[in-house]
Amino acid sequence: MSWAGKVLIEADIVDKLGASAVTSALLILGGQGKLNHECHLELEQGSAMQRARFFKDYIWTSTGKKLAQERFDFFLKYLDQLAEEVVEGQSLESLRR
C-alpha cells in the first residue's frame, strides 16, 4: 500500500474516534428512540467500540498515533462519565427530582 493510501486510512480512522464520532452515534441512537442506558451500552459494547479497539493496528505515522490515542482516550473517558451519570435507565438528574 502506498504511503498516501496509509495516510488516508489513518485520517478515516482518526475521524471515527473522538467527540464528533460520539455525537454522530448519539444522534443516530436517539433517532432510534434509545434511552440513556441503551446508548451507553451500544457505545461501550457495539460496533463503534469494536472498531475503535483496533485503531492501533492501522495507524503508521507518529502524528496519526498521537491523534488517534488522544481521541480514543476521550472516548473511554466519555463512556466512564456516562456510566457514572446513568443509573438503570435514568439519569442521576431525574432521580434527584
PDB file of N, CA and C in Angstrom:
ATOM      1  N   MET A   1       0.850  -1.179   0.000  1.00  0.00           N
ATOM      2  CA  MET A   1       0.000   0.000   0.000  1.00  0.00           C
ATOM      3  C   MET A   1       0.893   1.239   0.000  1.00  0.00           C
ATOM      4  N   SER A   2       0.506   2.228  -0.763  1.00  0.00           N
ATOM      5  CA  SER A   2       1.286   3.460  -0.846  1.00  0.00           C
ATOM      6  C   SER A   2       1.189   4.246   0.462  1.00  0.00           C
ATOM      7  N   TRP A   3       2.176   5.130   0.654  1.00  0.00           N
ATOM      8  CA  TRP A   3       2.170   5.988   1.845  1.00  0.00           C
ATOM      9  C   TRP A   3       0.912   6.859   1.864  1.00  0.00           C
ATOM     10  N   ALA A   4       0.542   7.401   0.723  1.00  0.00           N
ATOM     11  CA  ALA A   4      -0.661   8.245   0.642  1.00  0.00           C
ATOM     12  C   ALA A   4      -1.903   7.434   1.024  1.00  0.00           C
ATOM     13  N   GLY A   5      -1.961   6.186   0.598  1.00  0.00           N
ATOM     14  CA  GLY A   5      -3.084   5.331   0.953  1.00  0.00           C
ATOM     15  C   GLY A   5      -3.147   5.086   2.450  1.00  0.00           C
ATOM     16  N   LYS A   6      -1.987   4.870   3.066  1.00  0.00           N
ATOM     17  CA  LYS A   6      -1.934   4.666   4.520  1.00  0.00           C
ATOM     18  C   LYS A   6      -2.410   5.914   5.268  1.00  0.00           C
ATOM     19  N   VAL A   7      -1.983   7.066   4.791  1.00  0.00           N
ATOM     20  CA  VAL A   7      -2.382   8.324   5.440  1.00  0.00           C
ATOM     21  C   VAL A   7      -3.892   8.528   5.322  1.00  0.00           C
ATOM     22  N   LEU A   8      -4.475   8.188   4.184  1.00  0.00           N
ATOM     23  CA  LEU A   8      -5.928   8.291   4.021  1.00  0.00           C
ATOM     24  C   LEU A   8      -6.668   7.356   4.977  1.00  0.00           C
ATOM     25  N   ILE A   9      -6.149   6.153   5.138  1.00  0.00           N
ATOM     26  CA  ILE A   9      -6.756   5.215   6.086  1.00  0.00           C
ATOM     27  C   ILE A   9      -6.664   5.776   7.499  1.00  0.00           C
ATOM     28  N   GLU A  10      -5.497   6.312   7.853  1.00  0.00           N
ATOM     29  CA  GLU A  10      -5.334   6.912   9.179  1.00  0.00           C
ATOM     30  C   GLU A  10      -6.327   8.042   9.407  1.00  0.00           C
ATOM     31  N   ALA A  11      -6.466   8.913   8.429  1.00  0.00           N
ATOM     32  CA  ALA A  11      -7.378  10.044   8.564  1.00  0.00           C
ATOM     33  C   ALA A  11      -8.808   9.560   8.788  1.00  0.00           C
ATOM     34  N   ASP A  12      -9.191   8.525   8.087  1.00  0.00           N
ATOM     35  CA  ASP A  12     -10.534   7.965   8.244  1.00  0.00           C
ATOM     36  C   ASP A  12     -10.715   7.375   9.636  1.00  0.00           C
ATOM     37  N   ILE A  13      -9.709   6.682  10.142  1.00  0.00           N
ATOM     38  CA  ILE A  13      -9.779   6.087  11.480  1.00  0.00           C
ATOM     39  C   ILE A  13      -9.858   7.174  12.540  1.00  0.00           C
ATOM     40  N   VAL A  14      -8.993   8.162  12.448  1.00  0.00           N
ATOM     41  CA  VAL A  14      -8.983   9.248  13.433  1.00  0.00           C
ATOM     42  C   VAL A  14     -10.331   9.969  13.432  1.00  0.00           C
ATOM     43  N   ASP A  15     -10.921  10.120  12.256  1.00  0.00           N
ATOM     44  CA  ASP A  15     -12.230  10.778  12.149  1.00  0.00           C
ATOM     45  C   ASP A  15     -13.322   9.995  12.864  1.00  0.00           C
ATOM     46  N   LYS A  16     -13.155   8.694  13.002  1.00  0.00           N
ATOM     47  CA  LYS A  16     -14.171   7.853  13.625  1.00  0.00           C
ATOM     48  C   LYS A  16     -13.993   7.736  15.139  1.00  0.00           C
ATOM     49  N   LEU A  17     -13.007   8.428  15.684  1.00  0.00           N
ATOM     50  CA  LEU A  17     -12.777   8.469  17.127  1.00  0.00           C
ATOM     51  C   LEU A  17     -13.027   9.894  17.615  1.00  0.00           C
ATOM     52  N   GLY A  18     -13.380  10.066  18.864  1.00  0.00           N
ATOM     53  CA  GLY A  18     -13.493  11.394  19.426  1.00  0.00           C
ATOM     54  C   GLY A  18     -14.899  11.938  19.491  1.00  0.00           C
ATOM     55  N   ALA A  19     -14.983  13.228  19.764  1.00  0.00           N
ATOM     56  CA  ALA A  19     -16.253  13.900  20.037  1.00  0.00           C
ATOM     57  C   ALA A  19     -17.223  13.858  18.865  1.00  0.00           C
ATOM     58  N   SER A  20     -16.735  14.073  17.664  1.00  0.00           N
ATOM     59  CA  SER A  20     -17.664  14.093  16.532  1.00  0.00           C
ATOM     60  C   SER A  20     -18.264  12.712  16.290  1.00  0.00           C
ATOM     61  N   ALA A  21     -17.473  11.671  16.497  1.00  0.00           N
ATOM     62  CA  ALA A  21     -17.987  10.307  16.326  1.00  0.00           C
ATOM     63  C   ALA A  21     -19.015   9.967  17.400  1.00  0.00           C
ATOM     64  N   VAL A  22     -18.758  10.390  18.637  1.00  0.00           N
ATOM     65  CA  VAL A  22     -19.711  10.148  19.723  1.00  0.00           C
ATOM     66  C   VAL A  22     -21.008  10.891  19.444  1.00  0.00           C
ATOM     67  N   THR A  23     -20.904  12.127  19.008  1.00  0.00           N
ATOM     68  CA  THR A  23     -22.092  12.920  18.696  1.00  0.00           C
ATOM     69  C   THR A  23     -22.907  12.263  17.589  1.00  0.00           C
ATOM     70  N   SER A  24     -22.254  11.835  16.546  1.00  0.00           N
ATOM     71  CA  SER A  24     -22.960  11.174  15.443  1.00  0.00           C
ATOM     72  C   SER A  24     -23.668   9.909  15.915  1.00  0.00           C
ATOM     73  N   ALA A  25     -22.980   9.115  16.708  1.00  0.00           N
ATOM     74  CA  ALA A  25     -23.578   7.874  17.214  1.00  0.00           C
ATOM     75  C   ALA A  25     -24.783   8.170  18.094  1.00  0.00           C
ATOM     76  N   LEU A  26     -24.673   9.174  18.952  1.00  0.00           N
ATOM     77  CA  LEU A  26     -25.789   9.515  19.834  1.00  0.00           C
ATOM     78  C   LEU A  26     -26.985  10.058  19.056  1.00  0.00           C
ATOM     79  N   LEU A  27     -26.727  10.814  18.010  1.00  0.00           N
ATOM     80  CA  LEU A  27     -27.829  11.304  17.176  1.00  0.00           C
ATOM     81  C   LEU A  27     -28.567  10.143  16.515  1.00  0.00           C
ATOM     82  N   ILE A  28     -27.817   9.189  16.027  1.00  0.00           N
ATOM     83  CA  ILE A  28     -28.436   8.017  15.402  1.00  0.00           C
ATOM     84  C   ILE A  28     -29.219   7.209  16.433  1.00  0.00           C
ATOM     85  N   LEU A  29     -28.606   6.951  17.573  1.00  0.00           N
ATOM     86  CA  LEU A  29     -29.266   6.165  18.614  1.00  0.00           C
ATOM     87  C   LEU A  29     -30.500   6.885  19.153  1.00  0.00           C
ATOM     88  N   GLY A  30     -30.400   8.192  19.318  1.00  0.00           N
ATOM     89  CA  GLY A  30     -31.556   8.967  19.764  1.00  0.00           C
ATOM     90  C   GLY A  30     -32.686   8.915  18.752  1.00  0.00           C
ATOM     91  N   GLY A  31     -32.339   8.966  17.486  1.00  0.00           N
ATOM     92  CA  GLY A  31     -33.332   8.861  16.429  1.00  0.00           C
ATOM     93  C   GLY A  31     -34.026   7.509  16.413  1.00  0.00           C
ATOM     94  N   GLN A  32     -33.362   6.507  16.954  1.00  0.00           N
ATOM     95  CA  GLN A  32     -33.952   5.170  17.070  1.00  0.00           C
ATOM     96  C   GLN A  32     -34.756   5.011  18.363  1.00  0.00           C
ATOM     97  N   GLY A  33     -34.816   6.089  19.149  1.00  0.00           N
ATOM     98  CA  GLY A  33     -35.583   6.050  20.394  1.00  0.00           C
ATOM     99  C   GLY A  33     -34.862   5.389  21.554  1.00  0.00           C
ATOM    100  N   LYS A  34     -33.553   5.285  21.486  1.00  0.00           N
ATOM    101  CA  LYS A  34     -32.787   4.652  22.562  1.00  0.00           C
ATOM    102  C   LYS A  34     -32.733   5.563  23.783  1.00  0.00           C
ATOM    103  N   LEU A  35     -32.796   4.968  24.957  1.00  0.00           N
ATOM    104  CA  LEU A  35     -32.680   5.683  26.222  1.00  0.00           C
ATOM    105  C   LEU A  35     -31.209   5.810  26.611  1.00  0.00           C
ATOM    106  N   ASN A  36     -30.929   6.632  27.638  1.00  0.00           N
ATOM    107  CA  ASN A  36     -29.548   6.895  28.047  1.00  0.00           C
ATOM    108  C   ASN A  36     -28.745   5.617  28.268  1.00  0.00           C
ATOM    109  N   HIS A  37     -29.286   4.704  29.060  1.00  0.00           N
ATOM    110  CA  HIS A  37     -28.529   3.486  29.363  1.00  0.00           C
ATOM    111  C   HIS A  37     -28.345   2.611  28.124  1.00  0.00           C
ATOM    112  N   GLU A  38     -29.295   2.644  27.209  1.00  0.00           N
ATOM    113  CA  GLU A  38     -29.158   1.887  25.971  1.00  0.00           C
ATOM    114  C   GLU A  38     -28.066   2.485  25.082  1.00  0.00           C
ATOM    115  N   CYS A  39     -27.992   3.805  25.059  1.00  0.00           N
ATOM    116  CA  CYS A  39     -26.932   4.475  24.296  1.00  0.00           C
ATOM    117  C   CYS A  39     -25.564   4.120  24.876  1.00  0.00           C
ATOM    118  N   HIS A  40     -25.468   4.151  26.199  1.00  0.00           N
ATOM    119  CA  HIS A  40     -24.201   3.804  26.844  1.00  0.00           C
ATOM    120  C   HIS A  40     -23.783   2.382  26.473  1.00  0.00           C
ATOM    121  N   LEU A  41     -24.706   1.446  26.579  1.00  0.00           N
ATOM    122  CA  LEU A  41     -24.387   0.057  26.245  1.00  0.00           C
ATOM    123  C   LEU A  41     -23.963  -0.089  24.785  1.00  0.00           C
ATOM    124  N   GLU A  42     -24.663   0.589  23.904  1.00  0.00           N
ATOM    125  CA  GLU A  42     -24.327   0.498  22.476  1.00  0.00           C
ATOM    126  C   GLU A  42     -22.939   1.075  22.199  1.00  0.00           C
ATOM    127  N   LEU A  43     -22.638   2.225  22.812  1.00  0.00           N
ATOM    128  CA  LEU A  43     -21.317   2.821  22.608  1.00  0.00           C
ATOM    129  C   LEU A  43     -20.215   1.951  23.203  1.00  0.00           C
ATOM    130  N   GLU A  44     -20.486   1.379  24.345  1.00  0.00           N
ATOM    131  CA  GLU A  44     -19.471   0.601  25.051  1.00  0.00           C
ATOM    132  C   GLU A  44     -19.260  -0.795  24.454  1.00  0.00           C
ATOM    133  N   GLN A  45     -20.339  -1.406  23.975  1.00  0.00           N
ATOM    134  CA  GLN A  45     -20.249  -2.790  23.530  1.00  0.00           C
ATOM    135  C   GLN A  45     -20.524  -2.986  22.038  1.00  0.00           C
ATOM    136  N   GLY A  46     -20.968  -1.956  21.372  1.00  0.00           N
ATOM    137  CA  GLY A  46     -21.360  -2.076  19.969  1.00  0.00           C
ATOM    138  C   GLY A  46     -20.214  -1.964  18.993  1.00  0.00           C
ATOM    139  N   SER A  47     -20.579  -1.779  17.757  1.00  0.00           N
ATOM    140  CA  SER A  47     -19.595  -1.771  16.672  1.00  0.00           C
ATOM    141  C   SER A  47     -18.610  -0.609  16.774  1.00  0.00           C
ATOM    142  N   ALA A  48     -19.052   0.518  17.334  1.00  0.00           N
ATOM    143  CA  ALA A  48     -18.131   1.664  17.465  1.00  0.00           C
ATOM    144  C   ALA A  48     -16.929   1.293  18.324  1.00  0.00           C
ATOM    145  N   MET A  49     -17.186   0.639  19.451  1.00  0.00           N
ATOM    146  CA  MET A  49     -16.080   0.246  20.330  1.00  0.00           C
ATOM    147  C   MET A  49     -15.256  -0.865  19.693  1.00  0.00           C
ATOM    148  N   GLN A  50     -15.905  -1.785  19.040  1.00  0.00           N
ATOM    149  CA  GLN A  50     -15.166  -2.874  18.395  1.00  0.00           C
ATOM    150  C   GLN A  50     -14.192  -2.330  17.355  1.00  0.00           C
ATOM    151  N   ARG A  51     -14.656  -1.383  16.563  1.00  0.00           N
ATOM    152  CA  ARG A  51     -13.768  -0.763  15.558  1.00  0.00           C
ATOM    153  C   ARG A  51     -12.671   0.044  16.232  1.00  0.00           C
ATOM    154  N   ALA A  52     -13.031   0.789  17.258  1.00  0.00           N
ATOM    155  CA  ALA A  52     -12.078   1.673  17.922  1.00  0.00           C
ATOM    156  C   ALA A  52     -10.924   0.889  18.555  1.00  0.00           C
ATOM    157  N   ARG A  53     -11.209  -0.276  19.078  1.00  0.00           N
ATOM    158  CA  ARG A  53     -10.155  -1.073  19.734  1.00  0.00           C
ATOM    159  C   ARG A  53      -9.051  -1.505  18.770  1.00  0.00           C
ATOM    160  N   PHE A  54      -9.330  -1.538  17.482  1.00  0.00           N
ATOM    161  CA  PHE A  54      -8.345  -1.993  16.509  1.00  0.00           C
ATOM    162  C   PHE A  54      -7.611  -0.851  15.816  1.00  0.00           C
ATOM    163  N   PHE A  55      -7.853   0.381  16.250  1.00  0.00           N
ATOM    164  CA  PHE A  55      -7.256   1.501  15.526  1.00  0.00           C
ATOM    165  C   PHE A  55      -5.738   1.433  15.505  1.00  0.00           C
ATOM    166  N   LYS A  56      -5.127   0.938  16.555  1.00  0.00           N
ATOM    167  CA  LYS A  56      -3.662   0.911  16.618  1.00  0.00           C
ATOM    168  C   LYS A  56      -3.050   0.017  15.537  1.00  0.00           C
ATOM    169  N   ASP A  57      -3.818  -0.947  15.076  1.00  0.00           N
ATOM    170  CA  ASP A  57      -3.316  -1.853  14.043  1.00  0.00           C
ATOM    171  C   ASP A  57      -3.206  -1.187  12.676  1.00  0.00           C
ATOM    172  N   TYR A  58      -3.845  -0.031  12.517  1.00  0.00           N
ATOM    173  CA  TYR A  58      -3.903   0.605  11.195  1.00  0.00           C
ATOM    174  C   TYR A  58      -3.405   2.042  11.207  1.00  0.00           C
ATOM    175  N   ILE A  59      -2.595   2.368  12.177  1.00  0.00           N
ATOM    176  CA  ILE A  59      -2.011   3.702  12.261  1.00  0.00           C
ATOM    177  C   ILE A  59      -0.498   3.537  12.152  1.00  0.00           C
ATOM    178  N   TRP A  60       0.117   4.237  11.198  1.00  0.00           N
ATOM    179  CA  TRP A  60       1.535   4.070  10.943  1.00  0.00           C
ATOM    180  C   TRP A  60       2.360   5.301  11.298  1.00  0.00           C
ATOM    181  N   THR A  61       1.800   6.480  11.174  1.00  0.00           N
ATOM    182  CA  THR A  61       2.589   7.694  11.420  1.00  0.00           C
ATOM    183  C   THR A  61       2.534   8.088  12.892  1.00  0.00           C
ATOM    184  N   SER A  62       3.553   8.785  13.340  1.00  0.00           N
ATOM    185  CA  SER A  62       3.577   9.225  14.742  1.00  0.00           C
ATOM    186  C   SER A  62       2.458  10.231  15.013  1.00  0.00           C
ATOM    187  N   THR A  63       2.179  11.095  14.065  1.00  0.00           N
ATOM    188  CA  THR A  63       1.089  12.060  14.226  1.00  0.00           C
ATOM    189  C   THR A  63      -0.257  11.340  14.300  1.00  0.00           C
ATOM    190  N   GLY A  64      -0.448  10.379  13.425  1.00  0.00           N
ATOM    191  CA  GLY A  64      -1.678   9.597  13.442  1.00  0.00           C
ATOM    192  C   GLY A  64      -1.852   8.854  14.756  1.00  0.00           C
ATOM    193  N   LYS A  65      -0.772   8.262  15.258  1.00  0.00           N
ATOM    194  CA  LYS A  65      -0.828   7.533  16.535  1.00  0.00           C
ATOM    195  C   LYS A  65      -1.205   8.468  17.676  1.00  0.00           C
ATOM    196  N   LYS A  66      -0.605   9.645  17.690  1.00  0.00           N
ATOM    197  CA  LYS A  66      -0.886  10.612  18.757  1.00  0.00           C
ATOM    198  C   LYS A  66      -2.346  11.060  18.711  1.00  0.00           C
ATOM    199  N   LEU A  67      -2.820  11.449  17.540  1.00  0.00           N
ATOM    200  CA  LEU A  67      -4.200  11.913  17.405  1.00  0.00           C
ATOM    201  C   LEU A  67      -5.205  10.808  17.722  1.00  0.00           C
ATOM    202  N   ALA A  68      -4.950   9.622  17.224  1.00  0.00           N
ATOM    203  CA  ALA A  68      -5.865   8.509  17.470  1.00  0.00           C
ATOM    204  C   ALA A  68      -5.912   8.155  18.950  1.00  0.00           C
ATOM    205  N   GLN A  69      -4.765   8.129  19.609  1.00  0.00           N
ATOM    206  CA  GLN A  69      -4.740   7.808  21.036  1.00  0.00           C
ATOM    207  C   GLN A  69      -5.469   8.862  21.852  1.00  0.00           C
ATOM    208  N   GLU A  70      -5.268  10.138  21.525  1.00  0.00           N
ATOM    209  CA  GLU A  70      -5.964  11.216  22.238  1.00  0.00           C
ATOM    210  C   GLU A  70      -7.475  11.071  22.092  1.00  0.00           C
ATOM    211  N   ARG A  71      -7.922  10.797  20.883  1.00  0.00           N
ATOM    212  CA  ARG A  71      -9.364  10.674  20.648  1.00  0.00           C
ATOM    213  C   ARG A  71      -9.938   9.412  21.276  1.00  0.00           C
ATOM    214  N   PHE A  72      -9.200   8.313  21.244  1.00  0.00           N
ATOM    215  CA  PHE A  72      -9.669   7.086  21.874  1.00  0.00           C
ATOM    216  C   PHE A  72      -9.740   7.265  23.385  1.00  0.00           C
ATOM    217  N   ASP A  73      -8.751   7.945  23.970  1.00  0.00           N
ATOM    218  CA  ASP A  73      -8.775   8.232  25.412  1.00  0.00           C
ATOM    219  C   ASP A  73      -9.988   9.076  25.773  1.00  0.00           C
ATOM    220  N   PHE A  74     -10.312  10.064  24.932  1.00  0.00           N
ATOM    221  CA  PHE A  74     -11.514  10.874  25.163  1.00  0.00           C
ATOM    222  C   PHE A  74     -12.753   9.993  25.142  1.00  0.00           C
ATOM    223  N   PHE A  75     -12.852   9.103  24.166  1.00  0.00           N
ATOM    224  CA  PHE A  75     -13.993   8.200  24.029  1.00  0.00           C
ATOM    225  C   PHE A  75     -14.156   7.357  25.291  1.00  0.00           C
ATOM    226  N   LEU A  76     -13.060   6.805  25.798  1.00  0.00           N
ATOM    227  CA  LEU A  76     -13.124   5.995  27.014  1.00  0.00           C
ATOM    228  C   LEU A  76     -13.519   6.830  28.223  1.00  0.00           C
ATOM    229  N   LYS A  77     -12.973   8.038  28.317  1.00  0.00           N
ATOM    230  CA  LYS A  77     -13.317   8.923  29.432  1.00  0.00           C
ATOM    231  C   LYS A  77     -14.798   9.312  29.360  1.00  0.00           C
ATOM    232  N   TYR A  78     -15.287   9.574  28.166  1.00  0.00           N
ATOM    233  CA  TYR A  78     -16.698   9.908  27.982  1.00  0.00           C
ATOM    234  C   TYR A  78     -17.580   8.753  28.443  1.00  0.00           C
ATOM    235  N   LEU A  79     -17.222   7.534  28.055  1.00  0.00           N
ATOM    236  CA  LEU A  79     -18.001   6.367  28.461  1.00  0.00           C
ATOM    237  C   LEU A  79     -17.996   6.186  29.975  1.00  0.00           C
ATOM    238  N   ASP A  80     -16.847   6.430  30.610  1.00  0.00           N
ATOM    239  CA  ASP A  80     -16.776   6.349  32.071  1.00  0.00           C
ATOM    240  C   ASP A  80     -17.704   7.370  32.725  1.00  0.00           C
ATOM    241  N   GLN A  81     -17.676   8.597  32.218  1.00  0.00           N
ATOM    242  CA  GLN A  81     -18.531   9.649  32.768  1.00  0.00           C
ATOM    243  C   GLN A  81     -20.001   9.314  32.550  1.00  0.00           C
ATOM    244  N   LEU A  82     -20.341   8.844  31.368  1.00  0.00           N
ATOM    245  CA  LEU A  82     -21.715   8.469  31.078  1.00  0.00           C
ATOM    246  C   LEU A  82     -22.173   7.348  31.999  1.00  0.00           C
ATOM    247  N   ALA A  83     -21.308   6.382  32.259  1.00  0.00           N
ATOM    248  CA  ALA A  83     -21.647   5.276  33.159  1.00  0.00           C
ATOM    249  C   ALA A  83     -21.934   5.787  34.565  1.00  0.00           C
ATOM    250  N   GLU A  84     -21.210   6.807  35.012  1.00  0.00           N
ATOM    251  CA  GLU A  84     -21.440   7.384  36.335  1.00  0.00           C
ATOM    252  C   GLU A  84     -22.775   8.105  36.421  1.00  0.00           C
ATOM    253  N   GLU A  85     -23.209   8.679  35.315  1.00  0.00           N
ATOM    254  CA  GLU A  85     -24.412   9.503  35.327  1.00  0.00           C
ATOM    255  C   GLU A  85     -25.689   8.741  34.987  1.00  0.00           C
ATOM    256  N   VAL A  86     -25.578   7.558  34.436  1.00  0.00           N
ATOM    257  CA  VAL A  86     -26.752   6.797  34.017  1.00  0.00           C
ATOM    258  C   VAL A  86     -26.952   5.636  34.985  1.00  0.00           C
ATOM    259  N   VAL A  87     -28.134   5.590  35.592  1.00  0.00           N
ATOM    260  CA  VAL A  87     -28.445   4.547  36.562  1.00  0.00           C
ATOM    261  C   VAL A  87     -29.717   3.838  36.133  1.00  0.00           C
ATOM    262  N   GLU A  88     -29.597   2.576  35.779  1.00  0.00           N
ATOM    263  CA  GLU A  88     -30.741   1.752  35.414  1.00  0.00           C
ATOM    264  C   GLU A  88     -31.743   2.476  34.520  1.00  0.00           C
ATOM    265  N   GLY A  89     -31.234   3.092  33.484  1.00  0.00           N
ATOM    266  CA  GLY A  89     -32.112   3.719  32.516  1.00  0.00           C
ATOM    267  C   GLY A  89     -32.520   5.139  32.845  1.00  0.00           C
ATOM    268  N   GLN A  90     -32.061   5.663  33.970  1.00  0.00           N
ATOM    269  CA  GLN A  90     -32.408   7.033  34.325  1.00  0.00           C
ATOM    270  C   GLN A  90     -31.137   7.807  34.618  1.00  0.00           C
ATOM    271  N   SER A  91     -31.147   9.079  34.272  1.00  0.00           N
ATOM    272  CA  SER A  91     -30.001   9.903  34.615  1.00  0.00           C
ATOM    273  C   SER A  91     -30.082  10.256  36.094  1.00  0.00           C
ATOM    274  N   LEU A  92     -28.958  10.590  36.700  1.00  0.00           N
ATOM    275  CA  LEU A  92     -28.948  10.976  38.102  1.00  0.00           C
ATOM    276  C   LEU A  92     -29.810  12.209  38.338  1.00  0.00           C
ATOM    277  N   GLU A  93     -29.816  13.107  37.366  1.00  0.00           N
ATOM    278  CA  GLU A  93     -30.632  14.322  37.480  1.00  0.00           C
ATOM    279  C   GLU A  93     -32.110  13.976  37.673  1.00  0.00           C
ATOM    280  N   SER A  94     -32.617  13.029  36.889  1.00  0.00           N
ATOM    281  CA  SER A  94     -34.029  12.677  37.013  1.00  0.00           C
ATOM    282  C   SER A  94     -34.314  11.977  38.336  1.00  0.00           C
ATOM    283  N   LEU A  95     -33.315  11.307  38.901  1.00  0.00           N
ATOM    284  CA  LEU A  95     -33.510  10.650  40.196  1.00  0.00           C
ATOM    285  C   LEU A  95     -33.586  11.656  41.335  1.00  0.00           C
ATOM    286  N   ARG A  96     -32.963  12.814  41.174  1.00  0.00           N
ATOM    287  CA  ARG A  96     -32.953  13.823  42.239  1.00  0.00           C
ATOM    288  C   ARG A  96     -34.236  14.609  42.319  1.00  0.00           C
ATOM    289  N   ARG A  97     -35.039  14.590  41.285  1.00  0.00           N
ATOM    290  CA  ARG A  97     -36.279  15.376  41.261  1.00  0.00           C
ATOM    291  C   ARG A  97     -37.307  14.802  42.188  1.00  0.00           C
TER     292      ARG A  97
END
